[in-house]
C-alpha cells in the first residue's frame, strides 16, 4: 500500500450554493505526509473578489487548515464559483490538486 504525498480535504467548507456579494470563508484541511519536504499550498478562486488567499507553508506529518475569505461576484452566476487548492510537491511529477465548484445565486447580498 502506497501512502500519498499529500491529501486535500473533500470539502472546502462552503455550501453548494453561495450568494453574490455575500462574504464566505473557505476552509480546506491539507495533510502533508511524513518524510515529504516542507512545501507550499495555495488557494486560487475564480468568480469572486478575494482577500487573504495566500500561499501557506505545509509541514510534514501535519494537517494545515488553509483559509480564505471570498465574496462571489454577480457575474459568476453564469460560470459558478471555482475554488482550486494546489499542493506543490518537489519529489513528485504532478502537484496534488482539488477543485470545488459552487453555484452562485445572482442576487447581491446586502452584507
PDB file of N, CA and C in Angstrom:
ATOM      1  N   UNK A   1       0.842  -1.177   0.000  1.00  0.00           N
ATOM      2  CA  UNK A   1       0.000   0.000   0.000  1.00  0.00           C
ATOM      3  C   UNK A   1       0.887   1.240   0.000  1.00  0.00           C
ATOM      4  N   UNK A   2       0.575   2.151  -0.867  1.00  0.00           N
ATOM      5  CA  UNK A   2       1.375   3.368  -1.014  1.00  0.00           C
ATOM      6  C   UNK A   2       0.685   4.538  -0.312  1.00  0.00           C
ATOM      7  N   UNK A   3       1.436   5.299   0.457  1.00  0.00           N
ATOM      8  CA  UNK A   3       0.909   6.475   1.142  1.00  0.00           C
ATOM      9  C   UNK A   3       1.020   7.667   0.191  1.00  0.00           C
ATOM     10  N   UNK A   4      -0.066   8.414  -0.008  1.00  0.00           N
ATOM     11  CA  UNK A   4       0.014   9.578  -0.896  1.00  0.00           C
ATOM     12  C   UNK A   4       0.909  10.658  -0.279  1.00  0.00           C
ATOM     13  N   UNK A   5       1.568  11.463  -1.094  1.00  0.00           N
ATOM     14  CA  UNK A   5       2.456  12.501  -0.569  1.00  0.00           C
ATOM     15  C   UNK A   5       1.698  13.632   0.124  1.00  0.00           C
ATOM     16  N   UNK A   6       0.444  13.851  -0.283  1.00  0.00           N
ATOM     17  CA  UNK A   6      -0.387  14.894   0.328  1.00  0.00           C
ATOM     18  C   UNK A   6      -1.846  14.542   0.071  1.00  0.00           C
ATOM     19  N   UNK A   7      -2.708  15.007   0.982  1.00  0.00           N
ATOM     20  CA  UNK A   7      -4.139  14.776   0.836  1.00  0.00           C
ATOM     21  C   UNK A   7      -4.855  16.097   1.100  1.00  0.00           C
ATOM     22  N   UNK A   8      -5.792  16.424   0.211  1.00  0.00           N
ATOM     23  CA  UNK A   8      -6.614  17.627   0.355  1.00  0.00           C
ATOM     24  C   UNK A   8      -8.024  17.173   0.723  1.00  0.00           C
ATOM     25  N   UNK A   9      -8.643  17.855   1.660  1.00  0.00           N
ATOM     26  CA  UNK A   9      -9.996  17.531   2.101  1.00  0.00           C
ATOM     27  C   UNK A   9     -10.954  17.418   0.918  1.00  0.00           C
ATOM     28  N   UNK A  10     -12.036  16.689   1.106  1.00  0.00           N
ATOM     29  CA  UNK A  10     -13.049  16.551   0.061  1.00  0.00           C
ATOM     30  C   UNK A  10     -14.058  17.695   0.095  1.00  0.00           C
ATOM     31  N   UNK A  11     -13.859  18.662   0.991  1.00  0.00           N
ATOM     32  CA  UNK A  11     -14.766  19.811   1.103  1.00  0.00           C
ATOM     33  C   UNK A  11     -13.961  21.084   1.340  1.00  0.00           C
ATOM     34  N   UNK A  12     -14.502  22.195   0.826  1.00  0.00           N
ATOM     35  CA  UNK A  12     -13.879  23.497   1.098  1.00  0.00           C
ATOM     36  C   UNK A  12     -14.673  24.298   2.136  1.00  0.00           C
ATOM     37  N   UNK A  13     -15.680  23.650   2.734  1.00  0.00           N
ATOM     38  CA  UNK A  13     -16.439  24.291   3.798  1.00  0.00           C
ATOM     39  C   UNK A  13     -17.586  25.170   3.336  1.00  0.00           C
ATOM     40  N   UNK A  14     -17.749  25.356   2.033  1.00  0.00           N
ATOM     41  CA  UNK A  14     -18.844  26.181   1.524  1.00  0.00           C
ATOM     42  C   UNK A  14     -20.035  25.310   1.149  1.00  0.00           C
ATOM     43  N   UNK A  15     -21.222  25.901   1.232  1.00  0.00           N
ATOM     44  CA  UNK A  15     -22.431  25.215   0.780  1.00  0.00           C
ATOM     45  C   UNK A  15     -22.374  25.086  -0.745  1.00  0.00           C
ATOM     46  N   UNK A  16     -23.242  24.273  -1.298  1.00  0.00           N
ATOM     47  CA  UNK A  16     -23.273  24.096  -2.751  1.00  0.00           C
ATOM     48  C   UNK A  16     -23.634  25.369  -3.489  1.00  0.00           C
ATOM     49  N   UNK A  17     -24.458  26.223  -2.872  1.00  0.00           N
ATOM     50  CA  UNK A  17     -24.858  27.492  -3.479  1.00  0.00           C
ATOM     51  C   UNK A  17     -24.448  28.638  -2.570  1.00  0.00           C
ATOM     52  N   UNK A  18     -23.855  29.662  -3.164  1.00  0.00           N
ATOM     53  CA  UNK A  18     -23.484  30.885  -2.438  1.00  0.00           C
ATOM     54  C   UNK A  18     -24.156  32.071  -3.129  1.00  0.00           C
ATOM     55  N   UNK A  19     -24.224  33.198  -2.444  1.00  0.00           N
ATOM     56  CA  UNK A  19     -24.903  34.369  -2.982  1.00  0.00           C
ATOM     57  C   UNK A  19     -23.900  35.453  -3.346  1.00  0.00           C
ATOM     58  N   UNK A  20     -24.072  36.051  -4.515  1.00  0.00           N
ATOM     59  CA  UNK A  20     -23.197  37.143  -4.954  1.00  0.00           C
ATOM     60  C   UNK A  20     -23.216  38.250  -3.912  1.00  0.00           C
ATOM     61  N   UNK A  21     -22.058  38.773  -3.604  1.00  0.00           N
ATOM     62  CA  UNK A  21     -21.935  39.861  -2.642  1.00  0.00           C
ATOM     63  C   UNK A  21     -21.829  39.407  -1.205  1.00  0.00           C
ATOM     64  N   UNK A  22     -22.137  38.140  -0.926  1.00  0.00           N
ATOM     65  CA  UNK A  22     -22.008  37.617   0.434  1.00  0.00           C
ATOM     66  C   UNK A  22     -20.548  37.322   0.745  1.00  0.00           C
ATOM     67  N   UNK A  23     -20.199  37.318   2.000  1.00  0.00           N
ATOM     68  CA  UNK A  23     -18.831  37.032   2.420  1.00  0.00           C
ATOM     69  C   UNK A  23     -18.783  35.621   3.003  1.00  0.00           C
ATOM     70  N   UNK A  24     -17.871  34.807   2.496  1.00  0.00           N
ATOM     71  CA  UNK A  24     -17.763  33.410   2.905  1.00  0.00           C
ATOM     72  C   UNK A  24     -16.315  33.081   3.222  1.00  0.00           C
ATOM     73  N   UNK A  25     -16.131  32.133   4.147  1.00  0.00           N
ATOM     74  CA  UNK A  25     -14.780  31.688   4.453  1.00  0.00           C
ATOM     75  C   UNK A  25     -14.580  30.275   3.931  1.00  0.00           C
ATOM     76  N   UNK A  26     -13.599  30.121   3.067  1.00  0.00           N
ATOM     77  CA  UNK A  26     -13.183  28.819   2.568  1.00  0.00           C
ATOM     78  C   UNK A  26     -12.214  28.252   3.600  1.00  0.00           C
ATOM     79  N   UNK A  27     -12.435  27.014   4.017  1.00  0.00           N
ATOM     80  CA  UNK A  27     -11.525  26.337   4.943  1.00  0.00           C
ATOM     81  C   UNK A  27     -11.255  24.948   4.385  1.00  0.00           C
ATOM     82  N   UNK A  28      -9.995  24.695   4.050  1.00  0.00           N
ATOM     83  CA  UNK A  28      -9.632  23.421   3.437  1.00  0.00           C
ATOM     84  C   UNK A  28      -8.476  22.791   4.222  1.00  0.00           C
ATOM     85  N   UNK A  29      -8.742  21.685   4.931  1.00  0.00           N
ATOM     86  CA  UNK A  29      -7.645  20.966   5.580  1.00  0.00           C
ATOM     87  C   UNK A  29      -6.768  20.266   4.531  1.00  0.00           C
ATOM     88  N   UNK A  30      -5.463  20.378   4.723  1.00  0.00           N
ATOM     89  CA  UNK A  30      -4.491  19.746   3.828  1.00  0.00           C
ATOM     90  C   UNK A  30      -3.468  19.021   4.694  1.00  0.00           C
ATOM     91  N   UNK A  31      -3.185  17.767   4.339  1.00  0.00           N
ATOM     92  CA  UNK A  31      -2.208  16.972   5.077  1.00  0.00           C
ATOM     93  C   UNK A  31      -1.016  16.694   4.185  1.00  0.00           C
ATOM     94  N   UNK A  32       0.174  16.913   4.720  1.00  0.00           N
ATOM     95  CA  UNK A  32       1.416  16.596   4.020  1.00  0.00           C
ATOM     96  C   UNK A  32       2.032  15.389   4.718  1.00  0.00           C
ATOM     97  N   UNK A  33       2.359  14.350   3.960  1.00  0.00           N
ATOM     98  CA  UNK A  33       2.863  13.095   4.521  1.00  0.00           C
ATOM     99  C   UNK A  33       4.216  13.288   5.209  1.00  0.00           C
ATOM    100  N   UNK A  34       4.443  12.477   6.220  1.00  0.00           N
ATOM    101  CA  UNK A  34       5.750  12.440   6.881  1.00  0.00           C
ATOM    102  C   UNK A  34       6.796  12.054   5.848  1.00  0.00           C
ATOM    103  N   UNK A  35       7.951  12.638   5.949  1.00  0.00           N
ATOM    104  CA  UNK A  35       9.027  12.343   5.003  1.00  0.00           C
ATOM    105  C   UNK A  35       9.044  13.248   3.792  1.00  0.00           C
ATOM    106  N   UNK A  36       7.976  13.987   3.566  1.00  0.00           N
ATOM    107  CA  UNK A  36       7.956  14.954   2.467  1.00  0.00           C
ATOM    108  C   UNK A  36       8.680  16.221   2.918  1.00  0.00           C
ATOM    109  N   UNK A  37       9.388  16.892   2.017  1.00  0.00           N
ATOM    110  CA  UNK A  37       9.983  18.170   2.404  1.00  0.00           C
ATOM    111  C   UNK A  37       8.898  19.234   2.586  1.00  0.00           C
ATOM    112  N   UNK A  38       9.168  20.214   3.428  1.00  0.00           N
ATOM    113  CA  UNK A  38       8.231  21.327   3.571  1.00  0.00           C
ATOM    114  C   UNK A  38       7.927  21.887   2.195  1.00  0.00           C
ATOM    115  N   UNK A  39       6.705  22.311   2.011  1.00  0.00           N
ATOM    116  CA  UNK A  39       6.299  22.821   0.706  1.00  0.00           C
ATOM    117  C   UNK A  39       5.187  23.840   0.874  1.00  0.00           C
ATOM    118  N   UNK A  40       4.736  24.381  -0.233  1.00  0.00           N
ATOM    119  CA  UNK A  40       3.665  25.378  -0.217  1.00  0.00           C
ATOM    120  C   UNK A  40       2.396  24.814  -0.817  1.00  0.00           C
ATOM    121  N   UNK A  41       1.277  25.376  -0.372  1.00  0.00           N
ATOM    122  CA  UNK A  41      -0.019  25.099  -0.974  1.00  0.00           C
ATOM    123  C   UNK A  41      -0.696  26.440  -1.183  1.00  0.00           C
ATOM    124  N   UNK A  42      -1.580  26.499  -2.166  1.00  0.00           N
ATOM    125  CA  UNK A  42      -2.277  27.754  -2.404  1.00  0.00           C
ATOM    126  C   UNK A  42      -3.720  27.507  -2.802  1.00  0.00           C
ATOM    127  N   UNK A  43      -4.545  28.523  -2.529  1.00  0.00           N
ATOM    128  CA  UNK A  43      -5.942  28.505  -2.931  1.00  0.00           C
ATOM    129  C   UNK A  43      -6.101  29.533  -4.041  1.00  0.00           C
ATOM    130  N   UNK A  44      -6.694  29.100  -5.148  1.00  0.00           N
ATOM    131  CA  UNK A  44      -6.998  30.003  -6.251  1.00  0.00           C
ATOM    132  C   UNK A  44      -8.513  30.031  -6.398  1.00  0.00           C
ATOM    133  N   UNK A  45      -9.079  31.228  -6.537  1.00  0.00           N
ATOM    134  CA  UNK A  45     -10.526  31.370  -6.620  1.00  0.00           C
ATOM    135  C   UNK A  45     -10.884  32.104  -7.908  1.00  0.00           C
ATOM    136  N   UNK A  46     -11.849  31.554  -8.661  1.00  0.00           N
ATOM    137  CA  UNK A  46     -12.377  32.195  -9.853  1.00  0.00           C
ATOM    138  C   UNK A  46     -13.861  32.445  -9.602  1.00  0.00           C
ATOM    139  N   UNK A  47     -14.298  33.672  -9.876  1.00  0.00           N
ATOM    140  CA  UNK A  47     -15.696  34.014  -9.685  1.00  0.00           C
ATOM    141  C   UNK A  47     -15.959  34.778  -8.411  1.00  0.00           C
ATOM    142  N   UNK A  48     -14.901  35.328  -7.816  1.00  0.00           N
ATOM    143  CA  UNK A  48     -15.062  36.072  -6.565  1.00  0.00           C
ATOM    144  C   UNK A  48     -13.963  37.107  -6.427  1.00  0.00           C
ATOM    145  N   UNK A  49     -14.312  38.136  -5.705  1.00  0.00           N
ATOM    146  CA  UNK A  49     -13.273  39.038  -5.217  1.00  0.00           C
ATOM    147  C   UNK A  49     -12.760  38.342  -3.967  1.00  0.00           C
ATOM    148  N   UNK A  50     -11.477  38.288  -3.778  1.00  0.00           N
ATOM    149  CA  UNK A  50     -10.998  37.584  -2.597  1.00  0.00           C
ATOM    150  C   UNK A  50      -9.789  38.271  -1.999  1.00  0.00           C
ATOM    151  N   UNK A  51      -9.647  38.089  -0.728  1.00  0.00           N
ATOM    152  CA  UNK A  51      -8.511  38.618   0.005  1.00  0.00           C
ATOM    153  C   UNK A  51      -8.015  37.508   0.924  1.00  0.00           C
ATOM    154  N   UNK A  52      -6.810  37.633   1.358  1.00  0.00           N
ATOM    155  CA  UNK A  52      -6.227  36.685   2.298  1.00  0.00           C
ATOM    156  C   UNK A  52      -6.126  35.271   1.752  1.00  0.00           C
ATOM    157  N   UNK A  53      -6.049  35.138   0.432  1.00  0.00           N
ATOM    158  CA  UNK A  53      -5.795  33.833  -0.182  1.00  0.00           C
ATOM    159  C   UNK A  53      -4.309  33.785  -0.504  1.00  0.00           C
ATOM    160  N   UNK A  54      -3.544  33.448   0.468  1.00  0.00           N
ATOM    161  CA  UNK A  54      -2.093  33.442   0.296  1.00  0.00           C
ATOM    162  C   UNK A  54      -1.566  32.020   0.245  1.00  0.00           C
ATOM    163  N   UNK A  55      -0.340  31.924  -0.197  1.00  0.00           N
ATOM    164  CA  UNK A  55       0.331  30.631  -0.117  1.00  0.00           C
ATOM    165  C   UNK A  55       0.495  30.275   1.350  1.00  0.00           C
ATOM    166  N   UNK A  56       0.384  29.005   1.639  1.00  0.00           N
ATOM    167  CA  UNK A  56       0.529  28.523   3.002  1.00  0.00           C
ATOM    168  C   UNK A  56       1.647  27.496   3.033  1.00  0.00           C
ATOM    169  N   UNK A  57       2.501  27.597   4.018  1.00  0.00           N
ATOM    170  CA  UNK A  57       3.618  26.658   4.180  1.00  0.00           C
ATOM    171  C   UNK A  57       3.098  25.400   4.857  1.00  0.00           C
ATOM    172  N   UNK A  58       3.354  24.240   4.272  1.00  0.00           N
ATOM    173  CA  UNK A  58       2.945  22.970   4.852  1.00  0.00           C
ATOM    174  C   UNK A  58       4.127  22.287   5.510  1.00  0.00           C
ATOM    175  N   UNK A  59       3.869  21.688   6.655  1.00  0.00           N
ATOM    176  CA  UNK A  59       4.887  20.945   7.398  1.00  0.00           C
ATOM    177  C   UNK A  59       4.556  19.455   7.295  1.00  0.00           C
ATOM    178  N   UNK A  60       5.569  18.601   7.174  1.00  0.00           N
ATOM    179  CA  UNK A  60       5.329  17.165   7.073  1.00  0.00           C
ATOM    180  C   UNK A  60       4.601  16.616   8.305  1.00  0.00           C
ATOM    181  N   UNK A  61       3.767  15.608   8.072  1.00  0.00           N
ATOM    182  CA  UNK A  61       3.023  14.901   9.122  1.00  0.00           C
ATOM    183  C   UNK A  61       2.098  15.830   9.899  1.00  0.00           C
ATOM    184  N   UNK A  62       1.605  16.870   9.234  1.00  0.00           N
ATOM    185  CA  UNK A  62       0.751  17.861   9.885  1.00  0.00           C
ATOM    186  C   UNK A  62      -0.442  18.189   8.993  1.00  0.00           C
ATOM    187  N   UNK A  63      -1.605  18.397   9.633  1.00  0.00           N
ATOM    188  CA  UNK A  63      -2.769  18.898   8.924  1.00  0.00           C
ATOM    189  C   UNK A  63      -2.780  20.411   9.077  1.00  0.00           C
ATOM    190  N   UNK A  64      -2.834  21.107   7.966  1.00  0.00           N
ATOM    191  CA  UNK A  64      -2.888  22.567   7.953  1.00  0.00           C
ATOM    192  C   UNK A  64      -4.245  22.982   7.424  1.00  0.00           C
ATOM    193  N   UNK A  65      -4.922  23.856   8.127  1.00  0.00           N
ATOM    194  CA  UNK A  65      -6.214  24.365   7.661  1.00  0.00           C
ATOM    195  C   UNK A  65      -5.975  25.653   6.892  1.00  0.00           C
ATOM    196  N   UNK A  66      -6.128  25.566   5.597  1.00  0.00           N
ATOM    197  CA  UNK A  66      -5.968  26.742   4.750  1.00  0.00           C
ATOM    198  C   UNK A  66      -7.271  27.532   4.787  1.00  0.00           C
ATOM    199  N   UNK A  67      -7.171  28.855   4.874  1.00  0.00           N
ATOM    200  CA  UNK A  67      -8.352  29.706   4.974  1.00  0.00           C
ATOM    201  C   UNK A  67      -8.270  30.835   3.960  1.00  0.00           C
ATOM    202  N   UNK A  68      -9.454  31.219   3.462  1.00  0.00           N
ATOM    203  CA  UNK A  68      -9.531  32.304   2.502  1.00  0.00           C
ATOM    204  C   UNK A  68     -10.934  32.898   2.570  1.00  0.00           C
ATOM    205  N   UNK A  69     -11.039  34.196   2.638  1.00  0.00           N
ATOM    206  CA  UNK A  69     -12.342  34.874   2.622  1.00  0.00           C
ATOM    207  C   UNK A  69     -12.655  35.239   1.183  1.00  0.00           C
ATOM    208  N   UNK A  70     -13.869  34.883   0.709  1.00  0.00           N
ATOM    209  CA  UNK A  70     -14.270  35.167  -0.668  1.00  0.00           C
ATOM    210  C   UNK A  70     -15.604  35.900  -0.697  1.00  0.00           C
ATOM    211  N   UNK A  71     -15.770  36.735  -1.718  1.00  0.00           N
ATOM    212  CA  UNK A  71     -17.025  37.442  -1.971  1.00  0.00           C
ATOM    213  C   UNK A  71     -17.392  37.157  -3.427  1.00  0.00           C
ATOM    214  N   UNK A  72     -18.333  36.226  -3.661  1.00  0.00           N
ATOM    215  CA  UNK A  72     -18.715  35.888  -5.033  1.00  0.00           C
ATOM    216  C   UNK A  72     -19.257  37.107  -5.787  1.00  0.00           C
ATOM    217  N   UNK A  73     -18.933  37.196  -7.065  1.00  0.00           N
ATOM    218  CA  UNK A  73     -19.413  38.302  -7.893  1.00  0.00           C
ATOM    219  C   UNK A  73     -20.710  37.903  -8.595  1.00  0.00           C
ATOM    220  N   UNK A  74     -21.518  38.898  -8.943  1.00  0.00           N
ATOM    221  CA  UNK A  74     -22.775  38.640  -9.651  1.00  0.00           C
ATOM    222  C   UNK A  74     -22.500  38.000 -11.010  1.00  0.00           C
ATOM    223  N   UNK A  75     -21.399  38.356 -11.649  1.00  0.00           N
ATOM    224  CA  UNK A  75     -21.077  37.785 -12.962  1.00  0.00           C
ATOM    225  C   UNK A  75     -20.755  36.293 -12.876  1.00  0.00           C
ATOM    226  N   UNK A  76     -20.443  35.806 -11.678  1.00  0.00           N
ATOM    227  CA  UNK A  76     -20.142  34.383 -11.508  1.00  0.00           C
ATOM    228  C   UNK A  76     -21.398  33.521 -11.528  1.00  0.00           C
ATOM    229  N   UNK A  77     -22.578  34.156 -11.571  1.00  0.00           N
ATOM    230  CA  UNK A  77     -23.820  33.382 -11.648  1.00  0.00           C
ATOM    231  C   UNK A  77     -23.836  32.526 -12.915  1.00  0.00           C
ATOM    232  N   UNK A  78     -23.201  33.005 -13.968  1.00  0.00           N
ATOM    233  CA  UNK A  78     -23.171  32.264 -15.236  1.00  0.00           C
ATOM    234  C   UNK A  78     -22.146  31.125 -15.217  1.00  0.00           C
ATOM    235  N   UNK A  79     -21.046  31.308 -14.514  1.00  0.00           N
ATOM    236  CA  UNK A  79     -19.955  30.334 -14.558  1.00  0.00           C
ATOM    237  C   UNK A  79     -19.755  29.572 -13.264  1.00  0.00           C
ATOM    238  N   UNK A  80     -20.256  30.118 -12.152  1.00  0.00           N
ATOM    239  CA  UNK A  80     -20.063  29.489 -10.850  1.00  0.00           C
ATOM    240  C   UNK A  80     -18.802  29.977 -10.167  1.00  0.00           C
ATOM    241  N   UNK A  81     -18.683  29.614  -8.917  1.00  0.00           N
ATOM    242  CA  UNK A  81     -17.501  29.915  -8.102  1.00  0.00           C
ATOM    243  C   UNK A  81     -16.638  28.662  -8.102  1.00  0.00           C
ATOM    244  N   UNK A  82     -15.378  28.807  -8.467  1.00  0.00           N
ATOM    245  CA  UNK A  82     -14.473  27.665  -8.537  1.00  0.00           C
ATOM    246  C   UNK A  82     -13.299  27.913  -7.595  1.00  0.00           C
ATOM    247  N   UNK A  83     -13.122  26.994  -6.653  1.00  0.00           N
ATOM    248  CA  UNK A  83     -12.031  27.069  -5.677  1.00  0.00           C
ATOM    249  C   UNK A  83     -11.087  25.911  -5.978  1.00  0.00           C
ATOM    250  N   UNK A  84      -9.816  26.226  -6.235  1.00  0.00           N
ATOM    251  CA  UNK A  84      -8.820  25.201  -6.537  1.00  0.00           C
ATOM    252  C   UNK A  84      -7.702  25.275  -5.509  1.00  0.00           C
ATOM    253  N   UNK A  85      -7.391  24.135  -4.911  1.00  0.00           N
ATOM    254  CA  UNK A  85      -6.297  24.040  -3.943  1.00  0.00           C
ATOM    255  C   UNK A  85      -5.192  23.210  -4.589  1.00  0.00           C
ATOM    256  N   UNK A  86      -3.966  23.739  -4.559  1.00  0.00           N
ATOM    257  CA  UNK A  86      -2.826  23.064  -5.176  1.00  0.00           C
ATOM    258  C   UNK A  86      -1.698  22.927  -4.167  1.00  0.00           C
ATOM    259  N   UNK A  87      -1.175  21.708  -4.026  1.00  0.00           N
ATOM    260  CA  UNK A  87      -0.014  21.449  -3.174  1.00  0.00           C
ATOM    261  C   UNK A  87       1.167  21.189  -4.093  1.00  0.00           C
ATOM    262  N   UNK A  88       2.184  22.042  -4.006  1.00  0.00           N
ATOM    263  CA  UNK A  88       3.403  21.854  -4.793  1.00  0.00           C
ATOM    264  C   UNK A  88       4.248  20.773  -4.127  1.00  0.00           C
ATOM    265  N   UNK A  89       4.618  19.754  -4.886  1.00  0.00           N
ATOM    266  CA  UNK A  89       5.448  18.676  -4.348  1.00  0.00           C
ATOM    267  C   UNK A  89       6.760  18.647  -5.113  1.00  0.00           C
ATOM    268  N   UNK A  90       7.851  18.637  -4.389  1.00  0.00           N
ATOM    269  CA  UNK A  90       9.172  18.719  -5.010  1.00  0.00           C
ATOM    270  C   UNK A  90       9.636  17.399  -5.615  1.00  0.00           C
ATOM    271  N   UNK A  91       9.227  16.284  -5.008  1.00  0.00           N
ATOM    272  CA  UNK A  91       9.745  14.994  -5.464  1.00  0.00           C
ATOM    273  C   UNK A  91       8.702  14.172  -6.222  1.00  0.00           C
ATOM    274  N   UNK A  92       7.633  14.818  -6.667  1.00  0.00           N
ATOM    275  CA  UNK A  92       6.575  14.142  -7.418  1.00  0.00           C
ATOM    276  C   UNK A  92       6.321  14.956  -8.678  1.00  0.00           C
ATOM    277  N   UNK A  93       6.112  14.278  -9.790  1.00  0.00           N
ATOM    278  CA  UNK A  93       5.967  14.970 -11.073  1.00  0.00           C
ATOM    279  C   UNK A  93       4.746  15.893 -11.103  1.00  0.00           C
ATOM    280  N   UNK A  94       3.644  15.457 -10.534  1.00  0.00           N
ATOM    281  CA  UNK A  94       2.412  16.233 -10.592  1.00  0.00           C
ATOM    282  C   UNK A  94       2.052  16.784  -9.209  1.00  0.00           C
ATOM    283  N   UNK A  95       1.569  18.018  -9.142  1.00  0.00           N
ATOM    284  CA  UNK A  95       1.089  18.533  -7.856  1.00  0.00           C
ATOM    285  C   UNK A  95      -0.211  17.821  -7.472  1.00  0.00           C
ATOM    286  N   UNK A  96      -0.562  17.901  -6.194  1.00  0.00           N
ATOM    287  CA  UNK A  96      -1.841  17.376  -5.734  1.00  0.00           C
ATOM    288  C   UNK A  96      -2.835  18.532  -5.827  1.00  0.00           C
ATOM    289  N   UNK A  97      -3.966  18.297  -6.510  1.00  0.00           N
ATOM    290  CA  UNK A  97      -4.923  19.370  -6.779  1.00  0.00           C
ATOM    291  C   UNK A  97      -6.332  18.902  -6.425  1.00  0.00           C
ATOM    292  N   UNK A  98      -7.118  19.792  -5.839  1.00  0.00           N
ATOM    293  CA  UNK A  98      -8.543  19.544  -5.611  1.00  0.00           C
ATOM    294  C   UNK A  98      -9.310  20.774  -6.075  1.00  0.00           C
ATOM    295  N   UNK A  99     -10.426  20.547  -6.763  1.00  0.00           N
ATOM    296  CA  UNK A  99     -11.242  21.649  -7.266  1.00  0.00           C
ATOM    297  C   UNK A  99     -12.660  21.506  -6.717  1.00  0.00           C
ATOM    298  N   UNK A 100     -13.201  22.626  -6.235  1.00  0.00           N
ATOM    299  CA  UNK A 100     -14.549  22.668  -5.680  1.00  0.00           C
ATOM    300  C   UNK A 100     -15.364  23.674  -6.482  1.00  0.00           C
ATOM    301  N   UNK A 101     -16.574  23.296  -6.868  1.00  0.00           N
ATOM    302  CA  UNK A 101     -17.429  24.164  -7.682  1.00  0.00           C
ATOM    303  C   UNK A 101     -18.715  24.474  -6.924  1.00  0.00           C
ATOM    304  N   UNK A 102     -19.145  25.736  -7.030  1.00  0.00           N
ATOM    305  CA  UNK A 102     -20.349  26.186  -6.341  1.00  0.00           C
ATOM    306  C   UNK A 102     -21.214  27.013  -7.279  1.00  0.00           C
ATOM    307  N   UNK A 103     -22.518  26.855  -7.148  1.00  0.00           N
ATOM    308  CA  UNK A 103     -23.482  27.675  -7.867  1.00  0.00           C
ATOM    309  C   UNK A 103     -23.538  29.030  -7.176  1.00  0.00           C
ATOM    310  N   UNK A 104     -23.608  30.103  -7.974  1.00  0.00           N
ATOM    311  CA  UNK A 104     -23.709  31.456  -7.412  1.00  0.00           C
ATOM    312  C   UNK A 104     -25.090  32.003  -7.702  1.00  0.00           C
ATOM    313  N   UNK A 105     -25.803  32.322  -6.644  1.00  0.00           N
ATOM    314  CA  UNK A 105     -27.104  32.984  -6.745  1.00  0.00           C
ATOM    315  C   UNK A 105     -26.820  34.439  -7.150  1.00  0.00           C
ATOM    316  N   UNK A 106     -27.383  34.933  -8.245  1.00  0.00           N
ATOM    317  CA  UNK A 106     -27.036  36.271  -8.704  1.00  0.00           C
ATOM    318  C   UNK A 106     -27.554  37.409  -7.821  1.00  0.00           C
ATOM    319  N   UNK A 107     -28.473  37.110  -6.910  1.00  0.00           N
ATOM    320  CA  UNK A 107     -28.952  38.144  -6.002  1.00  0.00           C
ATOM    321  C   UNK A 107     -27.778  38.672  -5.195  1.00  0.00           C
ATOM    322  N   UNK A 108     -27.538  39.954  -5.216  1.00  0.00           N
ATOM    323  CA  UNK A 108     -26.415  40.554  -4.497  1.00  0.00           C
ATOM    324  C   UNK A 108     -26.833  40.776  -3.043  1.00  0.00           C
ATOM    325  N   UNK A 109     -26.104  40.156  -2.150  1.00  0.00           N
ATOM    326  CA  UNK A 109     -26.384  40.275  -0.717  1.00  0.00           C
ATOM    327  C   UNK A 109     -26.132  41.692  -0.235  1.00  0.00           C
ATOM    328  N   UNK A 110     -26.911  42.126   0.743  1.00  0.00           N
ATOM    329  CA  UNK A 110     -26.748  43.479   1.314  1.00  0.00           C
ATOM    330  C   UNK A 110     -25.563  43.554   2.252  1.00  0.00           C
ATOM    331  N   UNK A 111     -24.960  42.415   2.620  1.00  0.00           N
ATOM    332  CA  UNK A 111     -23.827  42.432   3.550  1.00  0.00           C
ATOM    333  C   UNK A 111     -22.527  42.657   2.853  1.00  0.00           C
TER     334      UNK A 111
END
